[in-house]
Amino acid sequence: MARKLPDGAEASAPRENFRAVTVMAGKLMRSQGSTDARARTGRLTAPRGIRATIAPMTVLTELARHSQRRLGSALRARVAGEDATERARAIWGKEGERWFTPEDPVWRVHADAAMFPGGVAALLLQSLHPLAMAGVAGHSGYKGDPWGRLQRTSHFLATTTFGTVEDAEAAIARVRGIHERVRGHDPRGRPYRASDPRLLGWVHVAEAHSFLTAYQRYAVTPLSDAEADTYVAQSALVATRLGATDLPTTVAELGAALTAFRPELEATAEARAAARFLLLDPPLPWPARPGYGLIASGGLALLPGWARRALRLPAGGPATTLAGGAGHLGTRAVRWAMDGVAQERQLAAGS
C-alpha cells in the first residue's frame, strides 16, 4: 500500500577533493599571528568570513566538519552524479504517495552505507550466471562507463525505494523498455534476453542476498529476524514489476532460491575479468584506491564461500576475516562522510 513520505525523511549517495580543507586550515593558522587580546585567554580571532572567535579545539572541529562535508559531497557525486542535488530534490522533495516509509526495513537497508560493500558483493555474485554476465559484458558498457552505469543503477534504486509511486512506476517502465532490447548469445552460443523472468529472478536474488547480508554485518543496528523477512518481501515488489516471477519473500526462501540457482552458475572468463576489474583495477585515481579497497574487501567478505572459490578469490581463513574488518572500517568511513551532507539532503526533502 502506498504511503506518504513523512517530514525529515532523507537518504544518500559520491568525488573527492580536500583542497578546500587545506585552504581553510591555512586561514585559521595564519589568523593565530594576528589575534587580538583574546589570544592570551586561549581564543583565536578567525579570518574574515569565519566566526569572530574560535577556541583552539573548535578549530579542529571546524576542520573535521568541513572535511566531512567535502568527502560526503564527493562520494555522493561519484555515486549519484554531478547533478546529485537536483536528483535528491526530485526524489525526496516531491510530494506524493510512496510504497515505503523510513520505518520499513527496505528503506533502512537501502539508505545505509552498508550498500557500498553490498553493491560490490551483488555485482560479483551476479557475474556467476553466464547468461546474465554475457548481457552485462555485451550491453552495459561497465568498463567503458562504469560510473555512469553505477549512477543509473543508484538512481533507479533510490527512485523505486524512496521516491513517489508515480516516479517509481515510470522508472520501472523505462527499464522494462531497455530490457526488451537487450538480447544476444553468450560465448557458447546460448541465447539470452534481459527480459527473461528467470534471469531477472537471479539478478534480484543476488542483490537481495548481498544487500541484506551487508546490512546485517555492517549496519549499526541489524534487522531483527522478522524485519529481515519483511525486507525480503518488500524488496521483491520492484523486481516483480520488472517481470521477475516466483520470488522469495522470507530469508529462508531467499537462501533456498540462491541454492536452487547454483546448477546454472559458472565462473566464465568474463566473470573473472569483471572480478579483476572490480577488485584490482577500478577506474579510480591511485590516491582514492585505498579507500575503495576497504569497501571492495568488505564486499568480498560477504560472498558465499562457493562463490569466492569459483571466482578464484580468498575463500576463508585469515584473509576473509581481514576483508570483513576492512569492510567494517570502510563502511564506517562512508557513513561518517554521508552524515556530512545529511542537512543538505533534509533541505532537499523540504524538512
Protein backbone atom coordinates (compact mmCIF):
# COMPACT_ATOMS: atom_id res chain seq x y z
CA MET A 1 0.00 0.00 0.00
CA ALA A 2 1.39 3.44 -0.91
CA ARG A 3 2.19 5.84 1.89
CA LYS A 4 3.21 9.49 2.22
CA LEU A 5 6.79 10.46 2.93
CA PRO A 6 7.00 11.83 6.49
CA ASP A 7 8.78 15.10 7.24
CA GLY A 8 12.52 14.76 7.74
CA ALA A 9 12.97 11.71 5.52
CA GLU A 10 16.39 11.51 3.86
CA ALA A 11 18.93 9.28 2.12
CA SER A 12 22.22 9.35 0.43
CA ALA A 13 24.73 8.91 -2.39
CA PRO A 14 29.87 10.17 -4.06
CA ARG A 15 34.07 12.51 -5.69
CA GLU A 16 36.99 13.71 -3.64
CA ASN A 17 38.86 16.97 -3.07
CA PHE A 18 40.45 18.14 0.15
CA ARG A 19 41.81 21.39 -1.25
CA ALA A 20 39.13 23.45 0.50
CA VAL A 21 40.08 21.85 3.80
CA THR A 22 43.72 22.78 3.28
CA VAL A 23 42.81 26.38 2.41
CA MET A 24 40.61 26.66 5.47
CA ALA A 25 43.34 25.26 7.70
CA GLY A 26 45.80 27.79 6.30
CA LYS A 27 43.46 30.66 7.03
CA LEU A 28 42.91 29.50 10.58
CA MET A 29 46.63 29.02 11.19
CA ARG A 30 47.50 32.45 9.75
CA SER A 31 44.89 34.03 11.96
CA GLN A 32 46.90 32.99 15.02
CA GLY A 33 49.56 35.55 14.09
CA SER A 34 47.06 38.42 14.16
CA THR A 35 44.98 37.59 17.20
CA ASP A 36 43.75 40.31 19.49
CA ALA A 37 43.92 40.35 23.26
CA ARG A 38 41.64 37.33 23.44
CA ALA A 39 44.56 35.19 22.28
CA ARG A 40 46.03 35.42 25.77
CA THR A 41 42.95 33.63 27.11
CA GLY A 42 43.29 30.84 24.55
CA ARG A 43 40.83 32.19 21.97
CA LEU A 44 41.69 32.92 18.35
CA THR A 45 40.40 35.62 16.04
CA ALA A 46 39.26 33.91 12.85
CA PRO A 47 39.87 35.37 9.39
CA ARG A 48 37.10 37.34 7.71
CA GLY A 49 34.20 35.13 6.71
CA ILE A 50 34.62 32.77 9.66
CA ARG A 51 33.15 33.25 13.13
CA ALA A 52 34.65 36.07 15.15
CA THR A 53 36.25 33.90 17.79
CA ILE A 54 37.07 30.22 17.70
CA ALA A 55 38.50 28.25 20.59
CA PRO A 56 41.52 26.10 19.71
CA MET A 57 39.51 22.91 19.94
CA THR A 58 36.84 24.47 17.75
CA VAL A 59 39.42 24.95 15.01
CA LEU A 60 39.86 21.19 14.81
CA THR A 61 36.10 20.67 14.96
CA GLU A 62 35.51 23.08 12.08
CA LEU A 63 38.22 21.40 10.02
CA ALA A 64 36.73 17.98 10.68
CA ARG A 65 33.23 19.12 9.76
CA HIS A 66 34.41 20.80 6.58
CA SER A 67 36.37 17.69 5.63
CA GLN A 68 33.30 15.57 6.35
CA ARG A 69 31.08 17.72 4.13
CA ARG A 70 33.62 17.73 1.30
CA LEU A 71 34.07 13.97 1.39
CA GLY A 72 30.32 13.39 1.65
CA SER A 73 29.68 15.60 -1.36
CA ALA A 74 32.45 13.82 -3.28
CA LEU A 75 31.03 10.37 -2.55
CA ARG A 76 27.52 11.44 -3.44
CA ALA A 77 28.67 12.98 -6.73
CA ARG A 78 30.56 9.79 -7.63
CA VAL A 79 27.56 7.54 -6.99
CA ALA A 80 24.65 9.82 -7.92
CA GLY A 81 26.31 12.10 -10.50
CA GLU A 82 27.22 15.78 -10.64
CA ASP A 83 23.52 16.66 -10.56
CA ALA A 84 23.04 14.77 -7.28
CA THR A 85 21.43 17.77 -5.56
CA GLU A 86 18.79 18.14 -8.27
CA ARG A 87 18.13 14.40 -8.26
CA ALA A 88 17.77 14.39 -4.48
CA ARG A 89 15.29 17.23 -4.67
CA ALA A 90 13.24 15.32 -7.23
CA ILE A 91 13.25 12.09 -5.20
CA TRP A 92 12.96 13.44 -1.65
CA GLY A 93 11.24 16.76 -2.11
CA LYS A 94 8.39 15.73 -4.38
CA GLU A 95 5.04 15.28 -2.68
CA GLY A 96 3.04 12.15 -3.34
CA GLU A 97 2.29 8.61 -2.26
CA ARG A 98 5.20 6.24 -1.74
CA TRP A 99 5.49 2.49 -1.47
CA PHE A 100 7.69 2.63 1.63
CA THR A 101 8.42 4.81 4.67
CA PRO A 102 11.62 5.33 6.71
CA GLU A 103 10.41 2.74 9.22
CA ASP A 104 10.27 -0.01 6.61
CA PRO A 105 13.21 -2.45 6.50
CA VAL A 106 13.74 -1.95 2.75
CA TRP A 107 14.10 1.80 3.28
CA ARG A 108 16.54 1.34 6.16
CA VAL A 109 18.69 -1.16 4.26
CA HIS A 110 18.84 0.80 1.02
CA ALA A 111 19.62 4.08 2.79
CA ASP A 112 22.57 2.70 4.78
CA ALA A 113 26.28 2.94 3.99
CA ALA A 114 26.41 -0.88 4.03
CA MET A 115 25.01 -0.67 0.50
CA PHE A 116 28.52 0.20 -0.71
CA PRO A 117 30.11 -3.18 0.09
CA GLY A 118 26.75 -4.82 -0.55
CA GLY A 119 26.75 -3.44 -4.08
CA VAL A 120 30.23 -4.85 -4.78
CA ALA A 121 29.13 -8.26 -3.48
CA ALA A 122 25.98 -8.17 -5.63
CA LEU A 123 27.96 -7.46 -8.81
CA LEU A 124 30.43 -10.25 -8.09
CA LEU A 125 27.65 -12.73 -7.31
CA GLN A 126 25.54 -11.77 -10.33
CA SER A 127 28.53 -12.30 -12.64
CA LEU A 128 28.41 -16.03 -11.91
CA HIS A 129 25.34 -16.54 -14.10
CA PRO A 130 26.83 -16.90 -17.60
CA LEU A 131 23.80 -15.50 -19.42
CA ALA A 132 23.47 -12.53 -17.08
CA MET A 133 27.22 -11.88 -17.39
CA ALA A 134 27.06 -12.11 -21.18
CA GLY A 135 24.32 -9.48 -21.19
CA VAL A 136 26.33 -7.18 -18.93
CA ALA A 137 29.51 -7.62 -20.98
CA GLY A 138 27.73 -7.10 -24.27
CA HIS A 139 25.39 -4.24 -23.46
CA SER A 140 26.11 -2.39 -20.20
CA GLY A 141 29.45 -0.75 -21.01
CA TYR A 142 30.59 -1.42 -17.46
CA LYS A 143 34.25 -0.96 -18.37
CA GLY A 144 33.85 1.97 -20.73
CA ASP A 145 31.46 3.92 -18.47
CA PRO A 146 31.43 2.27 -15.04
CA TRP A 147 30.46 5.39 -13.11
CA GLY A 148 27.64 6.18 -15.50
CA ARG A 149 26.26 2.68 -15.02
CA LEU A 150 26.61 2.98 -11.24
CA GLN A 151 24.82 6.33 -11.25
CA ARG A 152 21.95 4.99 -13.35
CA THR A 153 21.59 1.97 -11.07
CA SER A 154 21.72 4.03 -7.87
CA HIS A 155 19.15 6.47 -9.26
CA PHE A 156 16.79 3.63 -10.12
CA LEU A 157 17.21 2.09 -6.68
CA ALA A 158 16.66 5.42 -4.92
CA THR A 159 13.63 6.30 -7.04
CA THR A 160 11.90 2.95 -6.53
CA THR A 161 12.67 2.81 -2.80
CA PHE A 162 12.32 6.43 -1.66
CA GLY A 163 10.51 8.22 -4.49
CA THR A 164 6.85 8.66 -5.27
CA VAL A 165 4.83 5.80 -6.72
CA GLU A 166 4.37 7.80 -9.91
CA ASP A 167 8.13 8.25 -10.39
CA ALA A 168 8.90 4.67 -9.36
CA GLU A 169 6.48 3.24 -11.89
CA ALA A 170 7.88 5.50 -14.61
CA ALA A 171 11.43 4.33 -13.81
CA ILE A 172 10.34 0.68 -13.94
CA ALA A 173 8.64 1.23 -17.30
CA ARG A 174 11.85 2.75 -18.72
CA VAL A 175 13.97 -0.17 -17.53
CA ARG A 176 11.50 -2.70 -18.90
CA GLY A 177 11.74 -0.99 -22.27
CA ILE A 178 15.53 -1.24 -22.18
CA HIS A 179 15.36 -4.91 -21.17
CA GLU A 180 13.23 -5.71 -24.21
CA ARG A 181 16.05 -4.54 -26.47
CA VAL A 182 18.89 -6.37 -24.67
CA ARG A 183 19.35 -9.82 -26.15
CA GLY A 184 22.08 -11.91 -27.73
CA HIS A 185 24.18 -15.06 -27.26
CA ASP A 186 26.84 -15.93 -24.70
CA PRO A 187 30.33 -17.14 -25.82
CA ARG A 188 28.99 -20.70 -26.01
CA GLY A 189 26.13 -19.70 -28.30
CA ARG A 190 23.35 -19.87 -25.71
CA PRO A 191 20.67 -17.20 -26.24
CA TYR A 192 19.74 -14.70 -23.57
CA ARG A 193 17.36 -11.79 -23.18
CA ALA A 194 17.29 -9.32 -20.32
CA SER A 195 13.52 -9.58 -20.02
CA ASP A 196 13.70 -13.32 -19.23
CA PRO A 197 11.85 -13.76 -15.90
CA ARG A 198 14.39 -16.39 -14.81
CA LEU A 199 17.36 -14.06 -15.36
CA LEU A 200 15.52 -11.20 -13.67
CA GLY A 201 14.91 -13.54 -10.75
CA TRP A 202 18.62 -14.31 -10.48
CA VAL A 203 19.59 -10.64 -10.54
CA HIS A 204 17.08 -9.94 -7.78
CA VAL A 205 18.08 -12.90 -5.60
CA ALA A 206 21.77 -11.96 -5.85
CA GLU A 207 21.01 -8.34 -4.97
CA ALA A 208 18.64 -9.08 -2.09
CA HIS A 209 21.04 -11.61 -0.59
CA SER A 210 24.02 -9.25 -0.88
CA PHE A 211 22.24 -6.12 0.37
CA LEU A 212 20.69 -7.90 3.34
CA THR A 213 23.91 -9.71 4.26
CA ALA A 214 25.83 -6.41 4.11
CA TYR A 215 23.32 -4.64 6.33
CA GLN A 216 23.25 -7.42 8.90
CA ARG A 217 27.04 -7.43 9.04
CA TYR A 218 27.97 -3.75 8.77
CA ALA A 219 24.97 -1.73 9.98
CA VAL A 220 24.94 -0.10 13.39
CA THR A 221 21.70 -1.89 14.30
CA PRO A 222 20.95 -5.03 12.25
CA LEU A 223 17.39 -6.05 11.45
CA SER A 224 15.55 -8.49 13.66
CA ASP A 225 14.63 -11.85 12.14
CA ALA A 226 11.09 -10.65 11.47
CA GLU A 227 12.35 -7.42 9.92
CA ALA A 228 14.76 -9.35 7.71
CA ASP A 229 11.85 -11.42 6.39
CA THR A 230 9.96 -8.19 5.72
CA TYR A 231 12.95 -6.81 3.82
CA VAL A 232 12.96 -9.83 1.51
CA ALA A 233 9.24 -9.46 0.86
CA GLN A 234 9.43 -5.69 0.29
CA SER A 235 12.45 -5.90 -2.00
CA ALA A 236 10.51 -8.28 -4.26
CA LEU A 237 7.93 -5.61 -5.09
CA VAL A 238 10.05 -3.78 -7.68
CA ALA A 239 11.57 -6.98 -9.10
CA THR A 240 8.09 -8.36 -9.67
CA ARG A 241 7.07 -5.22 -11.55
CA LEU A 242 10.20 -5.58 -13.66
CA GLY A 243 8.98 -9.03 -14.75
CA ALA A 244 10.60 -11.50 -12.32
CA THR A 245 8.42 -14.35 -11.07
CA ASP A 246 8.33 -16.81 -8.16
CA LEU A 247 10.44 -14.57 -5.92
CA PRO A 248 11.29 -15.40 -2.29
CA THR A 249 9.51 -13.49 0.47
CA THR A 250 11.43 -14.70 3.56
CA VAL A 251 15.09 -15.12 4.47
CA ALA A 252 14.71 -18.91 4.37
CA GLU A 253 13.17 -18.75 0.91
CA LEU A 254 15.94 -16.39 -0.22
CA GLY A 255 18.60 -18.88 0.85
CA ALA A 256 16.75 -21.71 -0.87
CA ALA A 257 16.43 -19.68 -4.07
CA LEU A 258 20.17 -18.95 -4.07
CA THR A 259 20.90 -22.65 -3.68
CA ALA A 260 18.45 -23.56 -6.45
CA PHE A 261 20.32 -21.34 -8.92
CA ARG A 262 23.71 -22.96 -8.29
CA PRO A 263 23.47 -25.59 -11.07
CA GLU A 264 23.11 -22.74 -13.56
CA LEU A 265 26.15 -20.81 -12.31
CA GLU A 266 29.72 -20.90 -13.54
CA ALA A 267 32.74 -18.62 -13.36
CA THR A 268 33.31 -17.78 -17.02
CA ALA A 269 36.31 -15.86 -18.31
CA GLU A 270 34.06 -12.79 -18.48
CA ALA A 271 33.06 -13.23 -14.83
CA ARG A 272 36.67 -13.46 -13.67
CA ALA A 273 37.59 -10.44 -15.79
CA ALA A 274 34.77 -8.48 -14.14
CA ALA A 275 36.01 -9.54 -10.69
CA ARG A 276 39.53 -8.37 -11.52
CA PHE A 277 38.14 -5.06 -12.75
CA LEU A 278 36.07 -4.52 -9.59
CA LEU A 279 38.68 -5.64 -7.08
CA LEU A 280 42.08 -4.91 -8.61
CA ASP A 281 41.70 -2.33 -11.36
CA PRO A 282 38.85 0.06 -10.51
CA PRO A 283 38.55 3.27 -12.56
CA LEU A 284 39.88 5.48 -9.77
CA PRO A 285 42.96 7.65 -9.28
CA TRP A 286 45.61 5.97 -7.14
CA PRO A 287 45.05 8.21 -4.07
CA ALA A 288 41.43 7.07 -3.92
CA ARG A 289 42.13 3.36 -4.28
CA PRO A 290 42.97 2.54 -0.63
CA GLY A 291 39.56 3.79 0.49
CA TYR A 292 37.83 1.89 -2.28
CA GLY A 293 39.88 -1.16 -1.36
CA LEU A 294 38.27 -1.20 2.09
CA ILE A 295 34.80 -1.23 0.53
CA ALA A 296 35.73 -3.83 -2.09
CA SER A 297 37.27 -6.06 0.58
CA GLY A 298 34.08 -5.74 2.58
CA GLY A 299 32.08 -6.85 -0.44
CA LEU A 300 34.38 -9.82 -0.99
CA ALA A 301 33.85 -10.94 2.60
CA LEU A 302 30.07 -11.07 2.06
CA LEU A 303 30.19 -13.64 -0.75
CA PRO A 304 29.34 -17.27 0.00
CA GLY A 305 32.47 -19.44 0.13
CA TRP A 306 31.48 -21.34 -3.02
CA ALA A 307 31.19 -18.07 -4.94
CA ARG A 308 34.63 -16.89 -3.80
CA ARG A 309 36.16 -20.22 -4.80
CA ALA A 310 34.52 -20.11 -8.24
CA LEU A 311 35.97 -16.65 -8.87
CA ARG A 312 39.37 -17.78 -7.51
CA LEU A 313 39.21 -15.35 -4.61
CA PRO A 314 40.25 -15.98 -0.99
CA ALA A 315 37.65 -18.44 0.26
CA GLY A 316 38.16 -18.38 4.03
CA GLY A 317 40.61 -18.15 6.88
CA PRO A 318 42.55 -15.03 7.93
CA ALA A 319 42.22 -13.33 4.53
CA THR A 320 38.43 -13.36 4.70
CA THR A 321 38.48 -12.22 8.32
CA LEU A 322 40.72 -9.30 7.40
CA ALA A 323 38.46 -8.46 4.47
CA GLY A 324 35.48 -8.32 6.82
CA GLY A 325 37.37 -5.99 9.15
CA ALA A 326 38.24 -3.76 6.20
CA GLY A 327 34.57 -3.71 5.26
CA HIS A 328 33.60 -2.52 8.73
CA LEU A 329 36.18 0.26 8.57
CA GLY A 330 35.23 1.33 5.06
CA THR A 331 31.51 1.35 5.84
CA ARG A 332 32.05 3.46 8.96
CA ALA A 333 34.07 5.95 6.89
CA VAL A 334 31.32 6.19 4.27
CA ARG A 335 28.65 6.58 6.95
CA TRP A 336 30.63 9.39 8.60
CA ALA A 337 31.13 11.16 5.27
CA MET A 338 27.48 10.90 4.24
CA ASP A 339 26.42 12.31 7.61
CA GLY A 340 28.25 15.44 6.47
CA VAL A 341 25.64 16.10 3.77
CA ALA A 342 22.63 14.98 5.79
CA GLN A 343 21.42 18.55 6.35
CA GLU A 344 21.52 19.24 2.63
CA ARG A 345 19.50 16.09 2.00
CA GLN A 346 16.96 17.21 4.60
CA LEU A 347 16.61 20.55 2.84
CA ALA A 348 16.07 18.73 -0.45
CA ALA A 349 13.28 16.80 1.25
CA GLY A 350 11.71 20.07 2.35
CA SER A 351 12.16 19.48 6.09
